[in-house]
Amino acid sequence: MDDAAVESEVDDSVDLTVDAATVIVGAGFAGIGTAIRLIQQGDRDFVILERDVRPGGTWRDNTYPGAACDIPSRLYSYSFAPNPDWSHCYSGSREILAYIDRMVADYDLARHIRYSHLVVGMELDESSGTWRVDLADRPSLETRAVVVASGPLSTPGYPQIEGIDRFGGHKMHSAAWDHDYDFAGKKVGVIGTGASAVQIIPELVRGGAQVTVFQRTPGWVLPRLNRRISSLARGVYRNVPGTQSAARSLWFWGHESVAVGAVWNSPFTRVIEGVSKANLLAQVRDPWMRRQLTPDFRAGCKRLLMSSDYYPALQADNCTLVTWPIARICDKGVRTVEGIERRFDCLVFATGFEVSKQGTPIPIRGRDGRDLGEEWSQGAYAYRSFAVAGYPNMYFTFGPNSGPGHNSALVYMEAQIDAIVTAITTIRDNDLALLDVHRPAQDRYNESIQRRLARTTWNSGCRSWYLTDSGFNATMYPGFASQYIHQMRTVDFTRDFRAVARESVIARPASRRRTPSAPSRRTPR
C-alpha cells in the first residue's frame, strides 16, 4: 500500500478495541477456505460465526438420497488443501462433508468457530473503522473486517404455487430431507426437475415409491460417467508430489473448454446440444417422451444437468412424468391446469434455494448510514464480485456476478478468498481503519460486466434463477474461469481503493467490556 494513498481521518479518541480482527460469517466451503488462507498468512485473529451446530454449509444441509457434486472431486476441492483420498471422480455429499471436516481438523479451526451464532445485521462505525455484527439472542461483536461467506445456496426456496401450505400429507424440501420417512410404496409427487431432482428421482424410484414428476421445463442432460478411483491411484496421489496438482489442472482446462459452448452461443453450443440429444435418444425409447424432454432453449441458458440414471428412472413402471403446468396444491395432492387432481402421500420440493439477486438477506449499513439492501433492490452488484463501495472492510465470497456456468465454483471461490485475504492483510499491515473501493472503479467494472453478459447464453431469453424478474443478471460471470482468476489476482488496492489510516487505539475501559458468551469470543493468537 502506497503511503501517499493513505488518508488520516480517524478520531484518535475513539475506542477501537474489538472482539476479533476479522469476523467470517458462515462455516461452509467459503468460510473454512478463508480461515485456512488467513492462517497460511500467519493470521489467527478471527472468528467464524455459524448459525448451525456443525460446519458444512450446503453439503451439511443437502443430505437427500443421491446427493452428489456434478463437478469432478479433484476440481471441487481447494488447491491449497488437496485431498488424495477421493473415492470416485464425482463425490457424494457425505464424502464432501468429510473433506470439510478434515480441513477443520487439520487447521485446528474448531477453536475459531462459534456455533449457533446467527448473524441478523451489520453496521459500520465509520469514526472507528469497526463493524458491529449483531447476533440473534447474543451480544453483538465488534471487528475490523467482515467476510460474508454465508453463500447464495443456504436458504431452501419453495415455488410460489397457490395452496402450497394447504397440503395435508407429508412435505419436505431437498435441502431439509426427512430421513425418518419411509417412501416404500408411498405415492410421492416431485416438484422440480433441476440439478437436485435428477439425483433424487432415481433414488425414490429404486426405493419403491410411486413417483410422479412435475416438469415445468426440461433441461439439457449430459451423461455423468462416474468411476471409482483405485487404491493404487490414491496411493500415487498421496505419495508422489505434483500428481494431484497435475490432475486438477487437466480437469480445469477440460472444463474451461466447455465455456466456448456453454457461456456463449457458438457452433460448440450445437456440440453440447448434440451430445445431450444423443444421450436422450439412446436412453428414451418413446418418441413422445423424448419430445417432452427436449428443451426449447439453448444449452447453457439454464444449468446443464449431469445424470446417467435420470432418463431410465422416468421410464420405470413406478414413475410418471407430468408436463401440464401446476394450477394449485390441494389438501390431498396437486391439480394441474387441465383439471386433473393427483393425490399423494408426500410432496418433495426439489426447487433449489432462495438466491439473493436483489436486496440482502440481512440488514447491512455502511458509510453515512447507507443501506445495502436498498442499493441492491434492483439487482446486486460489486467491484469484482467481492467488495462494494461505501462498505469498507466488508467482503463477499461468491458475491454478485461470480457464478460459473462451466467450471468449479471452488475455483472462483479460491480466487475471491485470495483477494479478500490480501485486503485484510493490507488493512492489518498498514494499520488502516478503512479500505473502501472507489465508486467509479466499481461502476466501470459493472458496466463492462453487463455489456459482456448481454452476449451470453444466460441472457438469451430463457427463465432461470440466474436472472431477476426484470431480467438483470446479478449471478454469473461472463467469461472463462481463467479470466476470473486473473481479474482477482490483479486487484489494485492502491488505485481502485481509498485507504484511511488508523492513527491510534484507545483501550476500552474495563467497565465497558461486554460479558463474553461461553466459549470466549476472543480468538486465541
Protein backbone atom coordinates (compact mmCIF):
# COMPACT_ATOMS: atom_id res chain seq x y z
CA MET A 1 0.00 0.00 0.00
CA ASP A 2 1.41 3.33 -1.11
CA ASP A 3 1.71 5.68 1.86
CA ALA A 4 0.51 8.52 -0.36
CA ALA A 5 -2.79 6.70 -0.77
CA VAL A 6 -3.44 6.61 2.98
CA GLU A 7 -5.53 9.40 4.45
CA SER A 8 -5.57 10.41 8.13
CA GLU A 9 -9.22 10.94 9.05
CA VAL A 10 -9.80 8.88 12.20
CA ASP A 11 -10.71 10.44 15.51
CA ASP A 12 -7.81 9.44 17.77
CA SER A 13 -10.09 9.50 20.82
CA VAL A 14 -12.25 6.62 19.57
CA ASP A 15 -12.22 3.26 21.35
CA LEU A 16 -11.10 0.65 18.83
CA THR A 17 -10.94 -2.49 20.96
CA VAL A 18 -12.50 -5.35 19.04
CA ASP A 19 -13.57 -8.95 19.69
CA ALA A 20 -11.53 -10.25 16.73
CA ALA A 21 -9.73 -8.55 13.89
CA THR A 22 -11.86 -10.45 11.36
CA VAL A 23 -15.33 -11.98 11.56
CA ILE A 24 -16.22 -14.65 9.00
CA VAL A 25 -19.94 -15.32 8.56
CA GLY A 26 -20.57 -18.96 7.70
CA ALA A 27 -18.65 -22.22 8.18
CA GLY A 28 -19.23 -23.69 4.74
CA PHE A 29 -16.65 -24.11 1.99
CA ALA A 30 -16.09 -20.34 1.66
CA GLY A 31 -15.75 -19.59 5.37
CA ILE A 32 -13.45 -22.55 6.01
CA GLY A 33 -11.32 -21.68 2.96
CA THR A 34 -10.99 -18.06 4.07
CA ALA A 35 -9.91 -19.16 7.54
CA ILE A 36 -7.27 -21.52 6.16
CA ARG A 37 -5.80 -18.83 3.89
CA LEU A 38 -5.66 -16.38 6.80
CA ILE A 39 -3.79 -18.97 8.87
CA GLN A 40 -1.41 -19.63 5.99
CA GLN A 41 -0.68 -15.89 6.02
CA GLY A 42 0.09 -16.03 9.75
CA ASP A 43 -3.23 -14.52 10.88
CA ARG A 44 -5.25 -16.34 13.56
CA ASP A 45 -7.11 -13.31 14.90
CA PHE A 46 -10.54 -14.25 13.53
CA VAL A 47 -13.80 -15.95 14.48
CA ILE A 48 -16.22 -17.87 12.29
CA LEU A 49 -19.91 -17.39 13.11
CA GLU A 50 -22.07 -20.36 12.12
CA ARG A 51 -25.83 -20.43 12.54
CA ASP A 52 -25.95 -24.25 12.70
CA VAL A 53 -24.32 -26.68 15.13
CA ARG A 54 -21.70 -28.06 12.71
CA PRO A 55 -19.74 -26.88 9.66
CA GLY A 56 -20.50 -27.79 6.07
CA GLY A 57 -22.93 -25.22 4.65
CA THR A 58 -24.66 -26.53 1.52
CA TRP A 59 -23.17 -30.00 1.98
CA ARG A 60 -24.33 -30.19 5.58
CA ASP A 61 -27.88 -29.28 4.56
CA ASN A 62 -28.20 -31.32 1.35
CA THR A 63 -28.34 -34.94 2.51
CA TYR A 64 -31.13 -36.14 0.22
CA PRO A 65 -30.73 -39.58 -1.42
CA GLY A 66 -28.25 -39.40 -4.28
CA ALA A 67 -26.83 -36.02 -3.27
CA ALA A 68 -23.53 -35.53 -5.08
CA CYS A 69 -21.45 -32.94 -6.90
CA ASP A 70 -21.58 -32.67 -10.69
CA ILE A 71 -18.01 -31.29 -10.79
CA PRO A 72 -15.08 -33.76 -10.51
CA SER A 73 -13.82 -34.18 -6.95
CA ARG A 74 -10.26 -33.24 -7.88
CA LEU A 75 -11.57 -29.87 -9.09
CA TYR A 76 -14.23 -29.48 -6.41
CA SER A 77 -11.65 -29.02 -3.68
CA TYR A 78 -9.10 -26.37 -2.80
CA SER A 79 -5.67 -26.40 -4.41
CA PHE A 80 -4.24 -25.28 -1.04
CA ALA A 81 -5.94 -28.19 0.79
CA PRO A 82 -5.81 -31.16 -1.63
CA ASN A 83 -7.42 -34.49 -0.81
CA PRO A 84 -5.68 -37.60 -2.23
CA ASP A 85 -8.38 -39.96 -0.96
CA TRP A 86 -11.42 -39.17 -3.11
CA SER A 87 -13.13 -42.50 -3.79
CA HIS A 88 -14.84 -41.52 -7.07
CA CYS A 89 -14.43 -39.00 -9.87
CA TYR A 90 -17.64 -37.35 -8.63
CA SER A 91 -18.11 -37.45 -4.88
CA GLY A 92 -21.27 -37.80 -2.85
CA SER A 93 -22.35 -35.32 -0.20
CA ARG A 94 -21.07 -37.42 2.73
CA GLU A 95 -17.56 -37.58 1.30
CA ILE A 96 -17.55 -33.85 0.54
CA LEU A 97 -18.72 -33.12 4.09
CA ALA A 98 -15.96 -35.38 5.43
CA TYR A 99 -13.45 -33.33 3.39
CA ILE A 100 -14.72 -30.14 5.05
CA ASP A 101 -14.47 -31.79 8.47
CA ARG A 102 -10.90 -32.84 7.67
CA MET A 103 -9.92 -29.27 6.80
CA VAL A 104 -11.43 -28.08 10.11
CA ALA A 105 -9.38 -30.69 11.98
CA ASP A 106 -6.14 -30.22 10.02
CA TYR A 107 -6.08 -26.47 10.64
CA ASP A 108 -7.47 -26.57 14.20
CA LEU A 109 -10.42 -24.39 13.19
CA ALA A 110 -12.79 -25.68 15.90
CA ARG A 111 -11.30 -23.14 18.33
CA HIS A 112 -12.32 -20.33 15.96
CA ILE A 113 -15.89 -21.45 15.16
CA ARG A 114 -18.84 -20.18 17.23
CA TYR A 115 -21.81 -22.45 16.55
CA SER A 116 -25.47 -21.40 16.95
CA HIS A 117 -24.44 -17.81 16.22
CA LEU A 118 -27.00 -16.39 13.80
CA VAL A 119 -25.99 -13.03 12.31
CA VAL A 120 -29.02 -10.74 11.97
CA GLY A 121 -27.38 -7.47 10.91
CA MET A 122 -24.18 -5.49 10.48
CA GLU A 123 -23.41 -1.80 10.81
CA LEU A 124 -20.24 0.22 10.21
CA ASP A 125 -18.91 2.70 12.76
CA GLU A 126 -17.03 4.92 10.34
CA SER A 127 -15.38 7.01 13.05
CA SER A 128 -13.56 3.98 14.45
CA GLY A 129 -13.33 1.85 11.35
CA THR A 130 -15.11 -1.08 13.02
CA TRP A 131 -18.13 -3.17 12.13
CA ARG A 132 -20.75 -4.12 14.70
CA VAL A 133 -22.07 -7.61 13.97
CA ASP A 134 -25.47 -8.22 15.56
CA LEU A 135 -26.45 -11.74 16.62
CA ALA A 136 -29.79 -13.30 17.50
CA ASP A 137 -30.13 -13.66 21.29
CA ARG A 138 -26.44 -12.89 21.88
CA PRO A 139 -24.31 -9.79 22.48
CA SER A 140 -23.01 -8.02 19.38
CA LEU A 141 -19.40 -8.34 18.25
CA GLU A 142 -17.03 -5.65 17.02
CA THR A 143 -14.46 -6.30 14.33
CA ARG A 144 -12.15 -4.53 11.91
CA ALA A 145 -13.15 -6.65 8.89
CA VAL A 146 -16.11 -8.83 7.92
CA VAL A 147 -16.18 -11.65 5.38
CA VAL A 148 -19.72 -12.57 4.35
CA ALA A 149 -19.25 -16.24 3.46
CA SER A 150 -22.81 -17.43 4.03
CA GLY A 151 -23.21 -18.15 0.32
CA PRO A 152 -26.22 -17.92 -2.02
CA LEU A 153 -27.29 -21.56 -1.59
CA SER A 154 -28.18 -21.56 2.10
CA THR A 155 -31.96 -20.98 2.36
CA PRO A 156 -34.36 -23.52 0.78
CA GLY A 157 -36.57 -21.97 -1.87
CA TYR A 158 -40.20 -23.01 -2.32
CA PRO A 159 -42.14 -22.24 -5.51
CA GLN A 160 -44.94 -19.68 -5.49
CA ILE A 161 -47.81 -22.10 -6.06
CA GLU A 162 -51.31 -21.43 -4.82
CA GLY A 163 -52.25 -23.63 -1.86
CA ILE A 164 -48.72 -24.77 -1.05
CA ASP A 165 -49.47 -24.55 2.68
CA ARG A 166 -52.75 -26.49 2.40
CA PHE A 167 -51.30 -29.89 1.60
CA GLY A 168 -52.23 -32.30 4.39
CA GLY A 169 -49.73 -35.05 3.62
CA HIS A 170 -46.01 -35.19 4.31
CA LYS A 171 -43.94 -32.40 2.74
CA MET A 172 -40.18 -31.89 2.50
CA HIS A 173 -37.57 -29.87 0.63
CA SER A 174 -34.46 -31.37 -0.91
CA ALA A 175 -32.33 -29.20 1.40
CA ALA A 176 -34.23 -30.31 4.53
CA TRP A 177 -34.61 -34.03 3.96
CA ASP A 178 -36.60 -36.18 6.40
CA HIS A 179 -34.56 -39.37 6.67
CA ASP A 180 -37.12 -40.95 9.02
CA TYR A 181 -39.84 -41.01 6.35
CA ASP A 182 -40.35 -44.38 4.63
CA PHE A 183 -41.04 -43.84 0.92
CA ALA A 184 -41.58 -47.52 0.04
CA GLY A 185 -45.00 -47.98 -1.52
CA LYS A 186 -45.94 -44.32 -0.98
CA LYS A 187 -47.37 -42.05 -3.64
CA VAL A 188 -44.82 -39.27 -4.00
CA GLY A 189 -45.04 -36.10 -6.09
CA VAL A 190 -41.74 -34.45 -7.01
CA ILE A 191 -41.92 -30.78 -7.99
CA GLY A 192 -38.83 -29.63 -9.89
CA THR A 193 -36.55 -31.19 -12.49
CA GLY A 194 -33.27 -29.36 -11.86
CA ALA A 195 -29.89 -30.47 -10.56
CA SER A 196 -31.22 -31.85 -7.24
CA ALA A 197 -34.26 -33.52 -8.78
CA VAL A 198 -32.28 -35.56 -11.32
CA GLN A 199 -30.36 -37.06 -8.37
CA ILE A 200 -33.39 -37.59 -6.10
CA ILE A 201 -35.85 -39.13 -8.58
CA PRO A 202 -33.78 -42.23 -9.46
CA GLU A 203 -33.27 -42.96 -5.74
CA LEU A 204 -37.01 -42.67 -4.98
CA VAL A 205 -37.85 -44.93 -7.94
CA ARG A 206 -35.28 -47.53 -6.82
CA GLY A 207 -36.67 -47.29 -3.27
CA GLY A 208 -40.09 -48.47 -4.39
CA ALA A 209 -42.06 -45.23 -4.23
CA GLN A 210 -44.84 -44.48 -6.75
CA VAL A 211 -43.28 -41.31 -8.17
CA THR A 212 -44.96 -38.59 -10.20
CA VAL A 213 -42.59 -35.95 -11.57
CA PHE A 214 -43.99 -32.48 -12.34
CA GLN A 215 -41.85 -30.88 -15.04
CA ARG A 216 -42.14 -27.20 -15.87
CA THR A 217 -39.16 -27.02 -18.21
CA PRO A 218 -36.91 -29.88 -19.42
CA GLY A 219 -33.17 -29.41 -19.13
CA TRP A 220 -30.16 -30.37 -21.22
CA VAL A 221 -28.94 -33.61 -19.62
CA LEU A 222 -25.39 -34.86 -20.20
CA PRO A 223 -24.16 -38.33 -19.17
CA ARG A 224 -22.31 -38.50 -15.85
CA LEU A 225 -19.57 -41.08 -16.11
CA ASN A 226 -18.58 -41.69 -12.52
CA ARG A 227 -15.83 -44.23 -11.94
CA ARG A 228 -14.21 -45.44 -8.75
CA ILE A 229 -10.64 -44.25 -8.11
CA SER A 230 -8.45 -47.26 -7.41
CA SER A 231 -6.39 -47.64 -4.25
CA LEU A 232 -3.27 -47.61 -6.44
CA ALA A 233 -4.21 -44.22 -7.93
CA ARG A 234 -4.98 -42.86 -4.45
CA GLY A 235 -1.58 -44.03 -3.29
CA VAL A 236 0.09 -42.20 -6.17
CA TYR A 237 -1.81 -39.02 -5.35
CA ARG A 238 -0.80 -39.36 -1.69
CA ASN A 239 2.89 -40.11 -2.20
CA VAL A 240 4.02 -38.59 -5.50
CA PRO A 241 4.38 -34.79 -5.31
CA GLY A 242 2.68 -32.84 -8.06
CA THR A 243 0.29 -35.57 -9.22
CA GLN A 244 -2.79 -34.05 -7.59
CA SER A 245 -1.95 -30.63 -8.96
CA ALA A 246 -1.43 -32.06 -12.45
CA ALA A 247 -4.73 -33.97 -12.35
CA ARG A 248 -6.58 -30.90 -11.09
CA SER A 249 -5.07 -28.82 -13.89
CA LEU A 250 -6.20 -31.33 -16.52
CA TRP A 251 -9.75 -31.29 -15.18
CA PHE A 252 -9.65 -27.47 -15.01
CA TRP A 253 -8.66 -26.99 -18.65
CA GLY A 254 -11.08 -29.66 -19.78
CA HIS A 255 -13.95 -27.79 -18.13
CA GLU A 256 -12.56 -24.47 -19.29
CA SER A 257 -13.03 -25.59 -22.90
CA VAL A 258 -16.75 -26.14 -22.25
CA ALA A 259 -17.20 -22.37 -21.79
CA VAL A 260 -16.96 -21.85 -25.56
CA GLY A 261 -20.28 -23.66 -25.96
CA ALA A 262 -21.96 -23.10 -22.57
CA VAL A 263 -21.29 -19.41 -21.92
CA TRP A 264 -21.71 -18.12 -25.47
CA ASN A 265 -23.96 -19.25 -28.32
CA SER A 266 -21.48 -20.72 -30.79
CA PRO A 267 -21.03 -23.78 -33.02
CA PHE A 268 -19.74 -25.54 -29.91
CA THR A 269 -23.16 -24.97 -28.30
CA ARG A 270 -24.56 -27.25 -31.02
CA VAL A 271 -21.97 -29.84 -29.96
CA ILE A 272 -23.23 -29.78 -26.34
CA GLU A 273 -26.82 -29.98 -27.58
CA GLY A 274 -25.88 -32.83 -29.91
CA VAL A 275 -24.32 -34.86 -27.08
CA SER A 276 -27.40 -34.25 -24.94
CA LYS A 277 -29.79 -35.24 -27.72
CA ALA A 278 -27.75 -38.37 -28.42
CA ASN A 279 -27.95 -39.23 -24.72
CA LEU A 280 -31.73 -38.71 -24.80
CA LEU A 281 -32.12 -40.82 -27.95
CA ALA A 282 -30.02 -43.64 -26.51
CA GLN A 283 -31.88 -43.77 -23.20
CA VAL A 284 -35.52 -42.91 -24.04
CA ARG A 285 -37.34 -45.20 -26.46
CA ASP A 286 -40.69 -43.42 -26.69
CA PRO A 287 -40.70 -40.55 -29.28
CA TRP A 288 -43.40 -38.62 -27.41
CA MET A 289 -41.45 -38.72 -24.15
CA ARG A 290 -38.31 -37.63 -25.99
CA ARG A 291 -40.25 -34.64 -27.30
CA GLN A 292 -41.41 -33.79 -23.77
CA LEU A 293 -37.82 -33.99 -22.53
CA THR A 294 -36.26 -31.85 -25.30
CA PRO A 295 -35.54 -28.24 -24.22
CA ASP A 296 -36.62 -25.31 -26.40
CA PHE A 297 -33.75 -23.05 -25.28
CA ARG A 298 -30.02 -23.01 -25.96
CA ALA A 299 -27.74 -25.23 -23.92
CA GLY A 300 -26.21 -23.20 -21.12
CA CYS A 301 -29.11 -20.77 -20.73
CA LYS A 302 -30.11 -22.83 -17.69
CA ARG A 303 -27.77 -25.01 -15.68
CA LEU A 304 -26.55 -28.08 -17.56
CA LEU A 305 -27.61 -31.31 -15.82
CA MET A 306 -25.36 -34.34 -15.29
CA SER A 307 -27.02 -37.74 -14.89
CA SER A 308 -26.89 -41.21 -16.41
CA ASP A 309 -29.85 -42.63 -14.48
CA TYR A 310 -32.48 -39.85 -14.64
CA TYR A 311 -33.95 -40.83 -18.02
CA PRO A 312 -34.16 -44.56 -17.14
CA ALA A 313 -35.93 -43.65 -13.86
CA LEU A 314 -38.59 -41.63 -15.70
CA GLN A 315 -39.42 -44.71 -17.78
CA ALA A 316 -39.76 -47.08 -14.83
CA ASP A 317 -43.16 -48.69 -14.19
CA ASN A 318 -43.47 -46.83 -10.89
CA CYS A 319 -42.73 -43.36 -12.35
CA THR A 320 -44.95 -40.91 -14.29
CA LEU A 321 -43.89 -37.70 -15.99
CA VAL A 322 -46.43 -34.84 -15.96
CA THR A 323 -45.77 -31.80 -18.14
CA TRP A 324 -49.05 -29.95 -17.58
CA PRO A 325 -48.44 -26.78 -15.51
CA ILE A 326 -49.49 -26.92 -11.86
CA ALA A 327 -52.60 -24.87 -11.14
CA ARG A 328 -52.66 -25.31 -7.36
CA ILE A 329 -51.77 -27.60 -4.50
CA CYS A 330 -54.79 -29.06 -2.72
CA ASP A 331 -55.38 -30.72 0.64
CA LYS A 332 -54.55 -34.16 -0.72
CA GLY A 333 -52.50 -33.54 -3.84
CA VAL A 334 -51.72 -31.43 -6.88
CA ARG A 335 -54.12 -30.11 -9.52
CA THR A 336 -52.78 -29.28 -12.98
CA VAL A 337 -54.29 -26.80 -15.42
CA GLU A 338 -56.21 -29.41 -17.42
CA GLY A 339 -58.27 -30.08 -14.27
CA ILE A 340 -56.82 -33.38 -13.06
CA GLU A 341 -56.01 -33.70 -9.36
CA ARG A 342 -53.39 -36.30 -8.46
CA ARG A 343 -53.27 -37.40 -4.83
CA PHE A 344 -50.11 -38.08 -2.87
CA ASP A 345 -48.85 -39.23 0.49
CA CYS A 346 -45.80 -36.96 0.20
CA LEU A 347 -44.65 -33.97 -1.82
CA VAL A 348 -40.93 -33.41 -2.42
CA PHE A 349 -39.85 -29.92 -3.46
CA ALA A 350 -36.60 -30.10 -5.43
CA THR A 351 -36.79 -26.40 -6.17
CA GLY A 352 -33.41 -25.04 -5.17
CA PHE A 353 -32.65 -22.08 -2.95
CA GLU A 354 -33.66 -18.51 -2.28
CA VAL A 355 -30.80 -16.82 -4.14
CA SER A 356 -30.49 -13.14 -3.20
CA LYS A 357 -30.17 -11.37 -6.55
CA GLN A 358 -31.99 -8.34 -5.14
CA GLY A 359 -31.52 -6.88 -1.68
CA THR A 360 -29.56 -8.61 1.08
CA PRO A 361 -30.51 -11.49 3.40
CA ILE A 362 -29.72 -9.36 6.48
CA PRO A 363 -29.62 -5.57 7.04
CA ILE A 364 -26.18 -4.14 6.23
CA ARG A 365 -25.47 -0.46 6.90
CA GLY A 366 -22.30 1.21 5.64
CA ARG A 367 -20.86 4.70 5.34
CA ASP A 368 -23.25 7.60 6.01
CA GLY A 369 -25.94 5.15 7.10
CA ARG A 370 -26.48 3.74 3.62
CA ASP A 371 -28.44 0.51 3.36
CA LEU A 372 -27.03 -2.18 1.05
CA GLY A 373 -30.44 -3.82 0.74
CA GLU A 374 -31.86 -0.63 -0.74
CA GLU A 375 -28.87 -0.16 -3.04
CA TRP A 376 -29.29 -3.73 -4.30
CA SER A 377 -33.09 -3.53 -4.63
CA GLN A 378 -32.88 -3.51 -8.43
CA GLY A 379 -30.12 -6.12 -8.56
CA ALA A 380 -26.90 -6.87 -6.69
CA TYR A 381 -23.53 -5.56 -7.87
CA ALA A 382 -19.99 -5.25 -6.55
CA TYR A 383 -16.43 -4.47 -7.56
CA ARG A 384 -15.01 -7.70 -8.97
CA SER A 385 -17.74 -9.54 -7.03
CA PHE A 386 -16.12 -9.18 -3.60
CA ALA A 387 -16.21 -5.51 -2.44
CA VAL A 388 -18.91 -2.81 -2.50
CA ALA A 389 -18.26 0.95 -2.48
CA GLY A 390 -19.45 2.55 0.75
CA TYR A 391 -18.98 -0.64 2.76
CA PRO A 392 -15.26 -0.67 3.63
CA ASN A 393 -13.57 -3.66 5.23
CA MET A 394 -16.52 -5.92 4.27
CA TYR A 395 -16.05 -8.60 1.62
CA PHE A 396 -18.20 -11.23 -0.06
CA THR A 397 -17.40 -14.73 -1.20
CA PHE A 398 -19.49 -15.92 -4.13
CA GLY A 399 -20.68 -12.33 -4.46
CA PRO A 400 -22.53 -10.72 -7.38
CA ASN A 401 -21.53 -11.96 -10.86
CA SER A 402 -19.12 -14.64 -9.69
CA GLY A 403 -21.15 -17.69 -10.70
CA PRO A 404 -19.57 -20.22 -13.09
CA GLY A 405 -21.54 -21.88 -15.86
CA HIS A 406 -18.93 -24.41 -16.90
CA ASN A 407 -16.28 -24.84 -14.20
CA SER A 408 -15.93 -25.46 -10.47
CA ALA A 409 -17.39 -22.93 -8.05
CA LEU A 410 -14.39 -23.58 -5.80
CA VAL A 411 -12.01 -22.32 -8.49
CA TYR A 412 -13.83 -18.99 -8.44
CA MET A 413 -14.16 -19.04 -4.67
CA GLU A 414 -10.45 -19.67 -4.18
CA ALA A 415 -9.63 -16.63 -6.32
CA GLN A 416 -12.05 -14.50 -4.28
CA ILE A 417 -10.62 -15.72 -1.00
CA ASP A 418 -7.08 -14.83 -2.04
CA ALA A 419 -8.18 -11.28 -2.93
CA ILE A 420 -10.07 -10.97 0.37
CA VAL A 421 -7.09 -12.19 2.39
CA THR A 422 -4.89 -9.69 0.55
CA ALA A 423 -7.34 -6.92 1.52
CA ILE A 424 -7.37 -8.00 5.18
CA THR A 425 -3.57 -8.26 5.18
CA THR A 426 -3.37 -4.76 3.67
CA ILE A 427 -5.58 -3.41 6.46
CA ARG A 428 -3.50 -5.18 9.12
CA ASP A 429 -0.02 -4.44 7.78
CA ASN A 430 -0.76 -0.76 7.09
CA ASP A 431 -2.81 -0.29 10.28
CA LEU A 432 -5.78 1.01 8.29
CA ALA A 433 -9.13 1.96 9.71
CA LEU A 434 -10.92 1.82 6.35
CA LEU A 435 -10.22 0.30 2.96
CA ASP A 436 -13.06 1.24 0.62
CA VAL A 437 -13.36 0.63 -3.11
CA HIS A 438 -13.79 3.75 -5.26
CA ARG A 439 -17.28 4.03 -6.72
CA PRO A 440 -16.03 4.94 -10.24
CA ALA A 441 -13.90 1.77 -10.33
CA GLN A 442 -16.90 -0.27 -9.27
CA ASP A 443 -19.17 1.39 -11.85
CA ARG A 444 -16.70 0.84 -14.68
CA TYR A 445 -16.40 -2.81 -13.77
CA ASN A 446 -20.14 -3.43 -13.63
CA GLU A 447 -20.83 -1.58 -16.88
CA SER A 448 -18.32 -3.88 -18.54
CA ILE A 449 -19.79 -6.99 -16.92
CA GLN A 450 -23.34 -6.20 -18.03
CA ARG A 451 -22.21 -5.46 -21.61
CA ARG A 452 -20.46 -8.83 -21.73
CA LEU A 453 -23.42 -10.63 -20.16
CA ALA A 454 -25.72 -9.38 -22.92
CA ARG A 455 -23.83 -11.65 -25.33
CA THR A 456 -24.07 -14.83 -23.21
CA THR A 457 -26.48 -17.74 -23.34
CA TRP A 458 -27.77 -16.87 -19.84
CA ASN A 459 -29.27 -13.66 -21.21
CA SER A 460 -30.63 -15.29 -24.37
CA GLY A 461 -34.26 -15.42 -23.27
CA CYS A 462 -34.93 -18.43 -21.03
CA ARG A 463 -36.22 -18.12 -17.47
CA SER A 464 -33.66 -19.15 -14.88
CA TRP A 465 -32.56 -18.50 -11.30
CA TYR A 466 -29.61 -16.54 -12.71
CA LEU A 467 -31.84 -13.55 -13.53
CA THR A 468 -34.01 -11.16 -11.54
CA ASP A 469 -37.67 -10.80 -12.53
CA SER A 470 -36.69 -7.80 -14.64
CA GLY A 471 -34.02 -9.80 -16.48
CA PHE A 472 -30.96 -8.35 -14.70
CA ASN A 473 -28.15 -10.88 -14.34
CA ALA A 474 -26.57 -10.45 -10.92
CA THR A 475 -25.33 -14.00 -10.72
CA MET A 476 -22.98 -15.18 -13.47
CA TYR A 477 -19.51 -14.21 -14.62
CA PRO A 478 -19.40 -13.76 -18.43
CA GLY A 479 -16.09 -15.37 -19.27
CA PHE A 480 -13.58 -18.11 -18.67
CA ALA A 481 -12.58 -19.16 -15.15
CA SER A 482 -9.00 -18.26 -16.08
CA GLN A 483 -10.18 -14.70 -16.82
CA TYR A 484 -11.89 -14.53 -13.45
CA ILE A 485 -8.77 -15.75 -11.67
CA HIS A 486 -6.70 -13.12 -13.48
CA GLN A 487 -9.05 -10.28 -12.52
CA MET A 488 -8.90 -11.31 -8.86
CA ARG A 489 -5.11 -11.58 -8.87
CA THR A 490 -4.74 -8.12 -10.40
CA VAL A 491 -6.89 -6.12 -7.96
CA ASP A 492 -5.11 -2.79 -7.46
CA PHE A 493 -5.67 -1.80 -3.84
CA THR A 494 -3.80 1.47 -4.36
CA ARG A 495 -5.56 2.71 -7.49
CA ASP A 496 -9.08 1.31 -7.02
CA PHE A 497 -9.42 1.69 -3.24
CA ARG A 498 -9.39 4.58 -0.78
CA ALA A 499 -7.46 3.93 2.42
CA VAL A 500 -7.93 5.71 5.75
CA ALA A 501 -5.21 5.36 8.40
CA ARG A 502 -5.87 4.29 11.97
CA GLU A 503 -3.55 6.57 13.92
CA SER A 504 -4.15 5.45 17.49
CA VAL A 505 -6.08 2.95 19.57
CA ILE A 506 -7.59 3.79 22.92
CA ALA A 507 -8.29 0.74 25.08
CA ARG A 508 -11.90 0.32 26.21
CA PRO A 509 -12.31 0.80 29.98
CA ALA A 510 -12.93 -2.49 31.75
CA SER A 511 -16.39 -1.34 32.90
CA ARG A 512 -17.50 -1.01 29.27
CA ARG A 513 -16.48 -4.51 28.23
CA ARG A 514 -19.38 -6.80 27.35
CA THR A 515 -19.73 -10.07 29.20
CA PRO A 516 -18.47 -12.70 26.76
CA SER A 517 -20.62 -15.67 25.88
CA ALA A 518 -19.14 -19.09 26.51
CA PRO A 519 -16.82 -20.01 24.98
CA SER A 520 -14.93 -16.72 24.88
CA ARG A 521 -15.42 -14.75 21.67
CA ARG A 522 -11.82 -13.57 21.80
CA THR A 523 -9.83 -15.73 19.39
CA PRO A 524 -6.57 -17.12 20.80
CA ARG A 525 -3.49 -15.90 18.97
